[in-house]
Amino acid sequence: NAKTIRNDNSSRFGKFMQVCFDDHNCIKGCVIQDYLLEQSRITYQSEGERNYHIMYQLVAQGQENTDVAKAFYLKPPEFYKYLNTTSTEQINMALESKKFDAVTMAFTVLQVPQFVIDGVFKVLSSILWLGNIDFMDIDGEGCDFSNSDQEAISNISSLLGLKRCDLQNVLLIRQINVRGNITEIPLKIKE
């Protein structure tokens, strides 16, 4: 969920229910399909809105608990571009941290293994770090990382368990496979 202009706790997904009938117009079942209402919320929020609650909760927990901050390479909320795209009200870090505790308790009640919980938080932290990367244009033919991106690249690699070179390839190059021949094409800034 995320804060929108109309609702402080708006779910950002919907459900589509398809009702199935037989030849006699009797209901035989249904299919429920979840879908995202928006996919751009992470990278952009309208004025007065916020990113997903869990992003603030994770960062707040990192401010309260140094073990969490170290495990997930967390910095203060003002450090992350994805948490500072609009001028919303001040973040109540203590409240967000308590909400994070509620999320982790829910995972525990649902018997989600700790390694899965940690994996979720590593991915969320990686997303926050990705938002801080400033790609540099290379003559309109490709892009590269700036010198200031090295901490982000290092942290994302560690969080996701990737070799640094593999992460660089994923972020800077796309591959095309034509009849077994793989061609690497540098990604441009807008891509």
Foldseek 3Di string as FASTA:
>chain_A
DWCAPVHRQDDQKDKDKAFDADPVRDTDDIDIDMGGNDDCLQPDGDAQIFHDLVLLLQLLLCVVDVVSCVLQVHDHQVVFPSGPRYDHDDDPSVVSPVVNVVVVVVCVVVVPDPVVVLLVSNVSSLSRLVRPWDWAFDVQQATATDPVSPVSLVSNCVSVVHDSVVVRCVVFWDWDADPNDIDIGGDGPVD
